[in-house]
């Protein structure tokens, strides 16, 4: 499947969604922030409604993690497709459209910084944000997913450098793969043999690279459309059994991934200039609010089941 083919992402609840994986285990340090500590006001509003990004400018002030934040924000659609649609699906498979307020999504910068980028979602006074600065990236999200005892008006703020990643304690390569067959558990060791260098072959290789450099690839399509599907457990655990909260959370996740891809320079060869600006756009989101009812012997990714392995989940 090519990078820009439409593909499906099925989001399901893994072990780290449950309460068994504590925030204290995943973060070296974090602060909590109450909605009342956010001070925000509109500093500019156009006389007429307009889609221009600077028709409305909003400022948000708060202090956390030992520093003051002053965000200058403008509304945006960001990773949402121009024909974006969202649906809630019940146990019988009946879809119901869900309206999303695009005015709750913002992007902007941090005042006083030469370079910065902020991606923000505000709803009911609570903020979900990623703030990128030259030396650090800050994340803010609702605290109820990690510490429900704090209520629905609190947030957790942490630095990206304080996240304990699971692969830090692993000896496996991050680019692992699945081996099948009777020898799946055997270690494969590559053998290297010394080879004499043929100057004729080297010169031919240089000529070939020179010809390839004359035909640099310039992408014409830079956005991959996504259909996001959240099962009922994701809806319950990560969305707090609220359809709009689930949808907004999914949008925030893809927004983070989109920024990583969009800022990456893709190169086929070290000597090529490469290209950037590749990313994602969300065309449709489907949220299952209930387990899908199935007949005996049938399988469905959204049916009641304690555990899924990746292979079986993708096959159904």
C-alpha atoms as a PDB file:
ATOM      1  CA  UNK A   1       0.000   0.000   0.000  1.00  0.00           C
ATOM      2  CA  UNK A   2       1.452   3.364  -0.979  1.00  0.00           C
ATOM      3  CA  UNK A   3       1.913   6.157   1.548  1.00  0.00           C
ATOM      4  CA  UNK A   4      -0.975   8.122   0.090  1.00  0.00           C
ATOM      5  CA  UNK A   5      -3.484   5.317  -0.255  1.00  0.00           C
ATOM      6  CA  UNK A   6      -6.456   5.691   2.038  1.00  0.00           C
ATOM      7  CA  UNK A   7      -6.015   3.410   5.008  1.00  0.00           C
ATOM      8  CA  UNK A   8      -7.928   2.522   8.138  1.00  0.00           C
ATOM      9  CA  UNK A   9      -6.745   2.910  11.704  1.00  0.00           C
ATOM     10  CA  UNK A  10      -8.602   0.849  14.287  1.00  0.00           C
ATOM     11  CA  UNK A  11      -7.919   2.250  17.735  1.00  0.00           C
ATOM     12  CA  UNK A  12      -8.482  -0.227  20.508  1.00  0.00           C
ATOM     13  CA  UNK A  13      -7.750  -0.335  24.198  1.00  0.00           C
ATOM     14  CA  UNK A  14      -4.387  -1.832  25.098  1.00  0.00           C
ATOM     15  CA  UNK A  15      -2.980  -2.506  28.547  1.00  0.00           C
ATOM     16  CA  UNK A  16      -1.608   0.999  28.900  1.00  0.00           C
ATOM     17  CA  UNK A  17      -5.120   2.432  28.702  1.00  0.00           C
ATOM     18  CA  UNK A  18      -6.019   0.733  31.942  1.00  0.00           C
ATOM     19  CA  UNK A  19      -5.343   2.023  35.413  1.00  0.00           C
ATOM     20  CA  UNK A  20      -2.622  -0.588  35.924  1.00  0.00           C
ATOM     21  CA  UNK A  21      -0.157   1.648  34.095  1.00  0.00           C
ATOM     22  CA  UNK A  22       0.305   4.597  36.445  1.00  0.00           C
ATOM     23  CA  UNK A  23       1.192   8.108  35.344  1.00  0.00           C
ATOM     24  CA  UNK A  24       3.914   7.996  38.001  1.00  0.00           C
ATOM     25  CA  UNK A  25       5.495   5.098  36.117  1.00  0.00           C
ATOM     26  CA  UNK A  26       5.310   6.778  32.709  1.00  0.00           C
ATOM     27  CA  UNK A  27       6.451  10.288  33.661  1.00  0.00           C
ATOM     28  CA  UNK A  28       9.541  11.359  35.578  1.00  0.00           C
ATOM     29  CA  UNK A  29       7.861  14.629  36.542  1.00  0.00           C
ATOM     30  CA  UNK A  30       4.590  16.461  35.904  1.00  0.00           C
ATOM     31  CA  UNK A  31       2.438  19.304  37.223  1.00  0.00           C
ATOM     32  CA  UNK A  32      -1.319  19.554  37.585  1.00  0.00           C
ATOM     33  CA  UNK A  33      -3.180  22.602  36.352  1.00  0.00           C
ATOM     34  CA  UNK A  34      -6.754  23.695  37.082  1.00  0.00           C
ATOM     35  CA  UNK A  35      -9.007  25.299  34.485  1.00  0.00           C
ATOM     36  CA  UNK A  36      -9.314  28.381  36.717  1.00  0.00           C
ATOM     37  CA  UNK A  37      -5.560  28.989  36.266  1.00  0.00           C
ATOM     38  CA  UNK A  38      -5.986  29.571  32.530  1.00  0.00           C
ATOM     39  CA  UNK A  39      -6.537  33.198  31.572  1.00  0.00           C
ATOM     40  CA  UNK A  40      -7.742  33.630  28.008  1.00  0.00           C
ATOM     41  CA  UNK A  41      -9.274  36.469  26.058  1.00  0.00           C
ATOM     42  CA  UNK A  42      -9.844  37.485  22.451  1.00  0.00           C
ATOM     43  CA  UNK A  43      -7.459  40.257  21.404  1.00  0.00           C
ATOM     44  CA  UNK A  44      -8.814  40.669  17.877  1.00  0.00           C
ATOM     45  CA  UNK A  45     -12.124  39.814  16.249  1.00  0.00           C
ATOM     46  CA  UNK A  46     -13.069  40.757  12.676  1.00  0.00           C
ATOM     47  CA  UNK A  47     -16.200  42.804  12.031  1.00  0.00           C
ATOM     48  CA  UNK A  48     -17.463  40.048   9.750  1.00  0.00           C
ATOM     49  CA  UNK A  49     -17.166  36.274   9.875  1.00  0.00           C
ATOM     50  CA  UNK A  50     -14.228  35.105   7.795  1.00  0.00           C
ATOM     51  CA  UNK A  51     -12.173  31.965   7.270  1.00  0.00           C
ATOM     52  CA  UNK A  52      -8.996  34.049   7.323  1.00  0.00           C
ATOM     53  CA  UNK A  53      -6.778  32.724  10.163  1.00  0.00           C
ATOM     54  CA  UNK A  54      -6.121  36.184  11.597  1.00  0.00           C
ATOM     55  CA  UNK A  55      -9.765  37.250  11.658  1.00  0.00           C
ATOM     56  CA  UNK A  56      -9.780  36.119  15.283  1.00  0.00           C
ATOM     57  CA  UNK A  57      -6.762  36.090  17.607  1.00  0.00           C
ATOM     58  CA  UNK A  58      -6.899  34.629  21.095  1.00  0.00           C
ATOM     59  CA  UNK A  59      -4.359  34.803  23.936  1.00  0.00           C
ATOM     60  CA  UNK A  60      -4.008  32.170  26.643  1.00  0.00           C
ATOM     61  CA  UNK A  61      -1.866  32.763  29.749  1.00  0.00           C
ATOM     62  CA  UNK A  62      -0.865  30.218  32.398  1.00  0.00           C
ATOM     63  CA  UNK A  63       2.089  29.117  34.500  1.00  0.00           C
ATOM     64  CA  UNK A  64       3.299  25.548  34.906  1.00  0.00           C
ATOM     65  CA  UNK A  65       6.519  23.529  35.052  1.00  0.00           C
ATOM     66  CA  UNK A  66       8.414  26.545  36.337  1.00  0.00           C
ATOM     67  CA  UNK A  67       7.730  28.904  33.444  1.00  0.00           C
ATOM     68  CA  UNK A  68       5.123  31.357  32.173  1.00  0.00           C
ATOM     69  CA  UNK A  69       3.281  30.576  28.947  1.00  0.00           C
ATOM     70  CA  UNK A  70       1.641  33.216  26.775  1.00  0.00           C
ATOM     71  CA  UNK A  71       0.130  31.657  23.679  1.00  0.00           C
ATOM     72  CA  UNK A  72      -1.005  33.688  20.657  1.00  0.00           C
ATOM     73  CA  UNK A  73      -3.607  31.539  18.887  1.00  0.00           C
ATOM     74  CA  UNK A  74      -5.820  31.599  15.803  1.00  0.00           C
ATOM     75  CA  UNK A  75      -8.616  29.139  14.859  1.00  0.00           C
ATOM     76  CA  UNK A  76      -7.724  26.388  12.433  1.00  0.00           C
ATOM     77  CA  UNK A  77      -9.103  23.261  10.826  1.00  0.00           C
ATOM     78  CA  UNK A  78      -5.640  21.744  10.790  1.00  0.00           C
ATOM     79  CA  UNK A  79      -5.755  18.030  10.035  1.00  0.00           C
ATOM     80  CA  UNK A  80      -9.490  17.985   9.240  1.00  0.00           C
ATOM     81  CA  UNK A  81     -10.538  17.399   5.628  1.00  0.00           C
ATOM     82  CA  UNK A  82     -12.774  19.998   3.958  1.00  0.00           C
ATOM     83  CA  UNK A  83     -15.502  17.314   3.846  1.00  0.00           C
ATOM     84  CA  UNK A  84     -14.784  15.948   7.320  1.00  0.00           C
ATOM     85  CA  UNK A  85     -17.526  13.793   8.854  1.00  0.00           C
ATOM     86  CA  UNK A  86     -17.916  12.193  12.283  1.00  0.00           C
ATOM     87  CA  UNK A  87     -20.347   9.469  13.328  1.00  0.00           C
ATOM     88  CA  UNK A  88     -21.410   7.593  16.430  1.00  0.00           C
ATOM     89  CA  UNK A  89     -22.318   3.919  15.900  1.00  0.00           C
ATOM     90  CA  UNK A  90     -24.534   1.868  18.233  1.00  0.00           C
ATOM     91  CA  UNK A  91     -24.482  -1.881  18.865  1.00  0.00           C
ATOM     92  CA  UNK A  92     -26.654  -2.560  15.812  1.00  0.00           C
ATOM     93  CA  UNK A  93     -24.359  -0.668  13.455  1.00  0.00           C
ATOM     94  CA  UNK A  94     -26.624   2.367  13.063  1.00  0.00           C
ATOM     95  CA  UNK A  95     -24.666   5.553  12.358  1.00  0.00           C
ATOM     96  CA  UNK A  96     -25.590   8.942  13.807  1.00  0.00           C
ATOM     97  CA  UNK A  97     -23.833  12.146  12.613  1.00  0.00           C
ATOM     98  CA  UNK A  98     -21.909  14.115  15.243  1.00  0.00           C
ATOM     99  CA  UNK A  99     -21.343  17.869  14.848  1.00  0.00           C
ATOM    100  CA  UNK A 100     -17.853  19.103  15.738  1.00  0.00           C
ATOM    101  CA  UNK A 101     -17.128  22.717  16.676  1.00  0.00           C
ATOM    102  CA  UNK A 102     -14.120  23.725  14.576  1.00  0.00           C
ATOM    103  CA  UNK A 103     -13.772  26.934  16.600  1.00  0.00           C
ATOM    104  CA  UNK A 104     -12.329  24.926  19.503  1.00  0.00           C
ATOM    105  CA  UNK A 105      -9.155  24.079  17.576  1.00  0.00           C
ATOM    106  CA  UNK A 106      -6.275  26.559  17.493  1.00  0.00           C
ATOM    107  CA  UNK A 107      -2.687  26.879  16.405  1.00  0.00           C
ATOM    108  CA  UNK A 108      -0.148  29.589  17.053  1.00  0.00           C
ATOM    109  CA  UNK A 109       3.049  30.466  18.844  1.00  0.00           C
ATOM    110  CA  UNK A 110       4.482  31.339  22.226  1.00  0.00           C
ATOM    111  CA  UNK A 111       5.079  35.042  22.808  1.00  0.00           C
ATOM    112  CA  UNK A 112       8.721  36.024  23.292  1.00  0.00           C
ATOM    113  CA  UNK A 113      10.237  33.032  21.490  1.00  0.00           C
ATOM    114  CA  UNK A 114      12.118  33.337  18.176  1.00  0.00           C
ATOM    115  CA  UNK A 115      10.655  30.014  17.089  1.00  0.00           C
ATOM    116  CA  UNK A 116       7.726  28.110  18.562  1.00  0.00           C
ATOM    117  CA  UNK A 117       4.596  26.232  17.567  1.00  0.00           C
ATOM    118  CA  UNK A 118       1.445  25.553  19.565  1.00  0.00           C
ATOM    119  CA  UNK A 119      -1.387  23.195  18.683  1.00  0.00           C
ATOM    120  CA  UNK A 120      -4.303  23.685  21.084  1.00  0.00           C
ATOM    121  CA  UNK A 121      -7.817  22.407  21.700  1.00  0.00           C
ATOM    122  CA  UNK A 122     -10.035  24.222  24.219  1.00  0.00           C
ATOM    123  CA  UNK A 123     -13.363  22.914  25.452  1.00  0.00           C
ATOM    124  CA  UNK A 124     -15.271  23.691  28.651  1.00  0.00           C
ATOM    125  CA  UNK A 125     -12.245  25.576  29.955  1.00  0.00           C
ATOM    126  CA  UNK A 126      -9.947  22.541  29.693  1.00  0.00           C
ATOM    127  CA  UNK A 127      -6.976  22.539  27.340  1.00  0.00           C
ATOM    128  CA  UNK A 128      -5.230  19.854  25.322  1.00  0.00           C
ATOM    129  CA  UNK A 129      -2.025  21.253  23.863  1.00  0.00           C
ATOM    130  CA  UNK A 130       1.380  20.541  22.390  1.00  0.00           C
ATOM    131  CA  UNK A 131       3.803  23.462  22.639  1.00  0.00           C
ATOM    132  CA  UNK A 132       7.087  23.056  20.756  1.00  0.00           C
ATOM    133  CA  UNK A 133      10.085  25.246  21.626  1.00  0.00           C
ATOM    134  CA  UNK A 134      13.698  24.976  20.401  1.00  0.00           C
ATOM    135  CA  UNK A 135      14.887  23.187  23.537  1.00  0.00           C
ATOM    136  CA  UNK A 136      11.765  21.299  24.676  1.00  0.00           C
ATOM    137  CA  UNK A 137       8.235  20.195  23.837  1.00  0.00           C
ATOM    138  CA  UNK A 138       5.480  20.601  26.436  1.00  0.00           C
ATOM    139  CA  UNK A 139       2.273  18.577  26.569  1.00  0.00           C
ATOM    140  CA  UNK A 140      -0.947  19.423  28.400  1.00  0.00           C
ATOM    141  CA  UNK A 141      -3.957  17.112  28.573  1.00  0.00           C
ATOM    142  CA  UNK A 142      -7.004  16.469  30.774  1.00  0.00           C
ATOM    143  CA  UNK A 143      -6.043  14.736  34.021  1.00  0.00           C
ATOM    144  CA  UNK A 144      -9.099  12.477  34.331  1.00  0.00           C
ATOM    145  CA  UNK A 145      -7.539   9.829  32.085  1.00  0.00           C
ATOM    146  CA  UNK A 146      -4.706   9.420  34.588  1.00  0.00           C
ATOM    147  CA  UNK A 147      -6.052  10.765  37.885  1.00  0.00           C
ATOM    148  CA  UNK A 148      -9.860  10.704  37.866  1.00  0.00           C
ATOM    149  CA  UNK A 149      -9.949  11.839  41.487  1.00  0.00           C
ATOM    150  CA  UNK A 150      -8.980  15.371  40.349  1.00  0.00           C
ATOM    151  CA  UNK A 151     -12.256  15.834  38.465  1.00  0.00           C
ATOM    152  CA  UNK A 152     -13.005  17.119  34.970  1.00  0.00           C
ATOM    153  CA  UNK A 153     -11.549  20.618  35.341  1.00  0.00           C
ATOM    154  CA  UNK A 154      -7.905  19.677  35.887  1.00  0.00           C
ATOM    155  CA  UNK A 155      -5.039  19.056  33.472  1.00  0.00           C
ATOM    156  CA  UNK A 156      -1.637  17.378  33.515  1.00  0.00           C
ATOM    157  CA  UNK A 157       1.403  19.236  32.144  1.00  0.00           C
ATOM    158  CA  UNK A 158       4.684  17.499  31.367  1.00  0.00           C
ATOM    159  CA  UNK A 159       7.817  17.796  29.250  1.00  0.00           C
ATOM    160  CA  UNK A 160       8.427  15.394  26.404  1.00  0.00           C
ATOM    161  CA  UNK A 161      11.907  14.725  27.811  1.00  0.00           C
ATOM    162  CA  UNK A 162      10.293  13.457  31.037  1.00  0.00           C
ATOM    163  CA  UNK A 163       8.348  10.670  29.308  1.00  0.00           C
ATOM    164  CA  UNK A 164       9.607   7.175  30.092  1.00  0.00           C
ATOM    165  CA  UNK A 165       9.363   5.337  26.776  1.00  0.00           C
ATOM    166  CA  UNK A 166       8.785   1.584  26.885  1.00  0.00           C
ATOM    167  CA  UNK A 167      11.575   0.755  24.429  1.00  0.00           C
ATOM    168  CA  UNK A 168      14.225   2.450  26.599  1.00  0.00           C
ATOM    169  CA  UNK A 169      14.331  -0.702  28.728  1.00  0.00           C
ATOM    170  CA  UNK A 170      14.284  -3.078  25.755  1.00  0.00           C
ATOM    171  CA  UNK A 171      17.223  -4.741  24.041  1.00  0.00           C
ATOM    172  CA  UNK A 172      15.279  -5.177  20.812  1.00  0.00           C
ATOM    173  CA  UNK A 173      15.710  -3.002  17.773  1.00  0.00           C
ATOM    174  CA  UNK A 174      12.929  -0.393  17.373  1.00  0.00           C
ATOM    175  CA  UNK A 175      12.497  -1.602  13.783  1.00  0.00           C
ATOM    176  CA  UNK A 176      11.512  -5.157  14.659  1.00  0.00           C
ATOM    177  CA  UNK A 177       9.658  -7.553  12.391  1.00  0.00           C
ATOM    178  CA  UNK A 178       7.593 -10.731  12.659  1.00  0.00           C
ATOM    179  CA  UNK A 179       9.218 -14.017  11.618  1.00  0.00           C
ATOM    180  CA  UNK A 180       7.106 -17.038  10.707  1.00  0.00           C
ATOM    181  CA  UNK A 181       7.748 -20.746  10.291  1.00  0.00           C
ATOM    182  CA  UNK A 182       9.666 -23.325  12.339  1.00  0.00           C
ATOM    183  CA  UNK A 183      12.792 -21.163  12.589  1.00  0.00           C
ATOM    184  CA  UNK A 184      11.060 -18.016  13.880  1.00  0.00           C
ATOM    185  CA  UNK A 185      13.024 -18.047  17.145  1.00  0.00           C
ATOM    186  CA  UNK A 186      16.467 -18.481  15.616  1.00  0.00           C
ATOM    187  CA  UNK A 187      18.933 -15.615  15.581  1.00  0.00           C
ATOM    188  CA  UNK A 188      20.079 -14.714  12.108  1.00  0.00           C
ATOM    189  CA  UNK A 189      23.668 -13.566  11.877  1.00  0.00           C
ATOM    190  CA  UNK A 190      24.832 -11.869   8.743  1.00  0.00           C
ATOM    191  CA  UNK A 191      28.145 -12.884   7.231  1.00  0.00           C
ATOM    192  CA  UNK A 192      30.371 -10.230   5.765  1.00  0.00           C
ATOM    193  CA  UNK A 193      33.102 -11.034   3.277  1.00  0.00           C
ATOM    194  CA  UNK A 194      35.863  -8.747   2.163  1.00  0.00           C
ATOM    195  CA  UNK A 195      35.478  -7.705  -1.437  1.00  0.00           C
ATOM    196  CA  UNK A 196      38.015  -6.163  -3.742  1.00  0.00           C
ATOM    197  CA  UNK A 197      37.048  -2.718  -4.985  1.00  0.00           C
ATOM    198  CA  UNK A 198      36.729  -2.468  -8.752  1.00  0.00           C
ATOM    199  CA  UNK A 199      37.506   1.150  -9.834  1.00  0.00           C
ATOM    200  CA  UNK A 200      35.425   0.677 -13.002  1.00  0.00           C
ATOM    201  CA  UNK A 201      32.349  -0.256 -10.956  1.00  0.00           C
ATOM    202  CA  UNK A 202      32.922   2.683  -8.611  1.00  0.00           C
ATOM    203  CA  UNK A 203      33.067   5.131 -11.509  1.00  0.00           C
ATOM    204  CA  UNK A 204      29.925   3.623 -13.054  1.00  0.00           C
ATOM    205  CA  UNK A 205      28.136   3.965  -9.728  1.00  0.00           C
ATOM    206  CA  UNK A 206      29.079   7.656  -9.525  1.00  0.00           C
ATOM    207  CA  UNK A 207      27.736   8.276 -13.036  1.00  0.00           C
ATOM    208  CA  UNK A 208      24.470   6.520 -12.148  1.00  0.00           C
ATOM    209  CA  UNK A 209      24.064   8.614  -8.986  1.00  0.00           C
ATOM    210  CA  UNK A 210      24.716  11.778 -10.987  1.00  0.00           C
ATOM    211  CA  UNK A 211      21.963  10.870 -13.469  1.00  0.00           C
ATOM    212  CA  UNK A 212      19.561  10.053 -10.632  1.00  0.00           C
ATOM    213  CA  UNK A 213      20.256  13.417  -8.990  1.00  0.00           C
ATOM    214  CA  UNK A 214      19.040  15.134 -12.159  1.00  0.00           C
ATOM    215  CA  UNK A 215      15.607  13.553 -11.676  1.00  0.00           C
ATOM    216  CA  UNK A 216      14.711  14.471  -8.105  1.00  0.00           C
ATOM    217  CA  UNK A 217      11.242  13.382  -7.071  1.00  0.00           C
ATOM    218  CA  UNK A 218       8.784  16.169  -6.296  1.00  0.00           C
ATOM    219  CA  UNK A 219       5.554  14.918  -4.681  1.00  0.00           C
ATOM    220  CA  UNK A 220       2.266  16.175  -6.084  1.00  0.00           C
ATOM    221  CA  UNK A 221       0.107  14.718  -3.316  1.00  0.00           C
ATOM    222  CA  UNK A 222       1.151  15.655   0.198  1.00  0.00           C
ATOM    223  CA  UNK A 223      -1.780  14.538   2.353  1.00  0.00           C
ATOM    224  CA  UNK A 224      -2.929  11.021   3.195  1.00  0.00           C
ATOM    225  CA  UNK A 225      -6.687  10.852   3.979  1.00  0.00           C
ATOM    226  CA  UNK A 226      -7.542   8.892   7.127  1.00  0.00           C
ATOM    227  CA  UNK A 227     -10.583   7.053   8.380  1.00  0.00           C
ATOM    228  CA  UNK A 228     -10.269   6.664  12.163  1.00  0.00           C
ATOM    229  CA  UNK A 229     -12.299   4.004  13.948  1.00  0.00           C
ATOM    230  CA  UNK A 230     -12.529   3.885  17.756  1.00  0.00           C
ATOM    231  CA  UNK A 231     -13.949   0.747  19.339  1.00  0.00           C
ATOM    232  CA  UNK A 232     -16.246   0.804  22.381  1.00  0.00           C
ATOM    233  CA  UNK A 233     -13.382   0.229  24.831  1.00  0.00           C
ATOM    234  CA  UNK A 234     -11.443   3.189  23.440  1.00  0.00           C
ATOM    235  CA  UNK A 235     -14.671   5.195  23.711  1.00  0.00           C
ATOM    236  CA  UNK A 236     -15.021   4.218  27.380  1.00  0.00           C
ATOM    237  CA  UNK A 237     -11.394   4.404  28.532  1.00  0.00           C
ATOM    238  CA  UNK A 238      -9.901   7.257  26.485  1.00  0.00           C
ATOM    239  CA  UNK A 239     -13.073   9.172  25.675  1.00  0.00           C
ATOM    240  CA  UNK A 240     -14.722   8.944  29.091  1.00  0.00           C
ATOM    241  CA  UNK A 241     -17.847   7.474  27.431  1.00  0.00           C
ATOM    242  CA  UNK A 242     -18.343  10.782  25.624  1.00  0.00           C
ATOM    243  CA  UNK A 243     -18.433  10.768  21.826  1.00  0.00           C
ATOM    244  CA  UNK A 244     -17.178  14.329  21.303  1.00  0.00           C
ATOM    245  CA  UNK A 245     -14.373  13.853  23.827  1.00  0.00           C
ATOM    246  CA  UNK A 246     -13.311  10.699  21.979  1.00  0.00           C
ATOM    247  CA  UNK A 247     -13.338  12.492  18.621  1.00  0.00           C
ATOM    248  CA  UNK A 248     -11.375  15.466  19.937  1.00  0.00           C
ATOM    249  CA  UNK A 249      -8.802  13.146  21.495  1.00  0.00           C
ATOM    250  CA  UNK A 250      -8.312  11.307  18.194  1.00  0.00           C
ATOM    251  CA  UNK A 251      -7.877  14.595  16.350  1.00  0.00           C
ATOM    252  CA  UNK A 252      -5.240  15.696  18.880  1.00  0.00           C
ATOM    253  CA  UNK A 253      -3.338  12.408  18.460  1.00  0.00           C
ATOM    254  CA  UNK A 254      -3.261  12.614  14.670  1.00  0.00           C
ATOM    255  CA  UNK A 255      -2.294  16.279  14.883  1.00  0.00           C
ATOM    256  CA  UNK A 256       0.865  15.282  16.767  1.00  0.00           C
ATOM    257  CA  UNK A 257       1.714  12.567  14.239  1.00  0.00           C
ATOM    258  CA  UNK A 258       0.990  14.934  11.342  1.00  0.00           C
ATOM    259  CA  UNK A 259       3.468  17.495  12.663  1.00  0.00           C
ATOM    260  CA  UNK A 260       6.210  14.864  12.926  1.00  0.00           C
ATOM    261  CA  UNK A 261       5.656  13.753   9.319  1.00  0.00           C
ATOM    262  CA  UNK A 262       5.186  17.295   8.023  1.00  0.00           C
ATOM    263  CA  UNK A 263       8.507  18.459   9.507  1.00  0.00           C
ATOM    264  CA  UNK A 264      10.479  15.394   8.351  1.00  0.00           C
ATOM    265  CA  UNK A 265      12.769  15.692   5.320  1.00  0.00           C
ATOM    266  CA  UNK A 266      12.378  12.546   3.195  1.00  0.00           C
ATOM    267  CA  UNK A 267      15.484  11.513   1.266  1.00  0.00           C
ATOM    268  CA  UNK A 268      16.145   8.562  -1.039  1.00  0.00           C
ATOM    269  CA  UNK A 269      19.874   9.238  -0.962  1.00  0.00           C
ATOM    270  CA  UNK A 270      22.161  11.216   1.311  1.00  0.00           C
ATOM    271  CA  UNK A 271      23.250  13.513  -1.525  1.00  0.00           C
ATOM    272  CA  UNK A 272      19.684  14.433  -2.541  1.00  0.00           C
ATOM    273  CA  UNK A 273      17.911  17.472  -1.153  1.00  0.00           C
ATOM    274  CA  UNK A 274      14.825  15.445  -0.311  1.00  0.00           C
ATOM    275  CA  UNK A 275      11.380  16.868   0.260  1.00  0.00           C
ATOM    276  CA  UNK A 276       9.111  17.691   3.183  1.00  0.00           C
ATOM    277  CA  UNK A 277       5.552  18.759   3.859  1.00  0.00           C
ATOM    278  CA  UNK A 278       4.049  15.249   3.806  1.00  0.00           C
ATOM    279  CA  UNK A 279       1.268  14.615   6.291  1.00  0.00           C
ATOM    280  CA  UNK A 280      -2.238  13.467   7.092  1.00  0.00           C
ATOM    281  CA  UNK A 281      -5.794  14.751   6.865  1.00  0.00           C
ATOM    282  CA  UNK A 282      -8.724  13.189   8.733  1.00  0.00           C
ATOM    283  CA  UNK A 283     -11.641  12.557   6.395  1.00  0.00           C
ATOM    284  CA  UNK A 284     -13.921  10.561   8.685  1.00  0.00           C
ATOM    285  CA  UNK A 285     -14.114   9.422  12.321  1.00  0.00           C
ATOM    286  CA  UNK A 286     -16.328   6.565  13.501  1.00  0.00           C
ATOM    287  CA  UNK A 287     -16.854   6.025  17.243  1.00  0.00           C
ATOM    288  CA  UNK A 288     -18.504   2.849  18.534  1.00  0.00           C
ATOM    289  CA  UNK A 289     -20.481   3.777  21.648  1.00  0.00           C
ATOM    290  CA  UNK A 290     -21.506   0.144  22.274  1.00  0.00           C
ATOM    291  CA  UNK A 291     -20.088  -3.318  21.535  1.00  0.00           C
ATOM    292  CA  UNK A 292     -21.257  -4.649  18.178  1.00  0.00           C
ATOM    293  CA  UNK A 293     -23.778  -7.453  18.542  1.00  0.00           C
ATOM    294  CA  UNK A 294     -22.634 -10.596  16.720  1.00  0.00           C
ATOM    295  CA  UNK A 295     -24.139 -14.012  16.091  1.00  0.00           C
ATOM    296  CA  UNK A 296     -22.526 -17.218  17.271  1.00  0.00           C
ATOM    297  CA  UNK A 297     -19.294 -17.937  15.436  1.00  0.00           C
ATOM    298  CA  UNK A 298     -19.028 -14.435  13.962  1.00  0.00           C
ATOM    299  CA  UNK A 299     -16.129 -12.096  14.709  1.00  0.00           C
ATOM    300  CA  UNK A 300     -16.072  -8.299  14.741  1.00  0.00           C
ATOM    301  CA  UNK A 301     -13.307  -5.943  15.878  1.00  0.00           C
ATOM    302  CA  UNK A 302     -15.827  -4.151  18.125  1.00  0.00           C
ATOM    303  CA  UNK A 303     -17.370  -7.205  19.778  1.00  0.00           C
ATOM    304  CA  UNK A 304     -17.027  -7.972  23.499  1.00  0.00           C
ATOM    305  CA  UNK A 305     -13.642  -9.601  23.987  1.00  0.00           C
ATOM    306  CA  UNK A 306     -11.023  -9.304  26.722  1.00  0.00           C
ATOM    307  CA  UNK A 307      -7.909  -9.350  24.558  1.00  0.00           C
ATOM    308  CA  UNK A 308      -6.933  -9.044  20.918  1.00  0.00           C
ATOM    309  CA  UNK A 309      -3.597  -9.863  19.368  1.00  0.00           C
ATOM    310  CA  UNK A 310      -2.593  -7.546  16.544  1.00  0.00           C
ATOM    311  CA  UNK A 311      -2.824 -10.166  13.784  1.00  0.00           C
ATOM    312  CA  UNK A 312      -6.364 -11.294  14.633  1.00  0.00           C
ATOM    313  CA  UNK A 313      -7.578  -7.722  15.106  1.00  0.00           C
ATOM    314  CA  UNK A 314      -6.350  -6.668  11.677  1.00  0.00           C
ATOM    315  CA  UNK A 315      -7.823  -9.771  10.042  1.00  0.00           C
ATOM    316  CA  UNK A 316     -11.355  -9.192  11.345  1.00  0.00           C
END
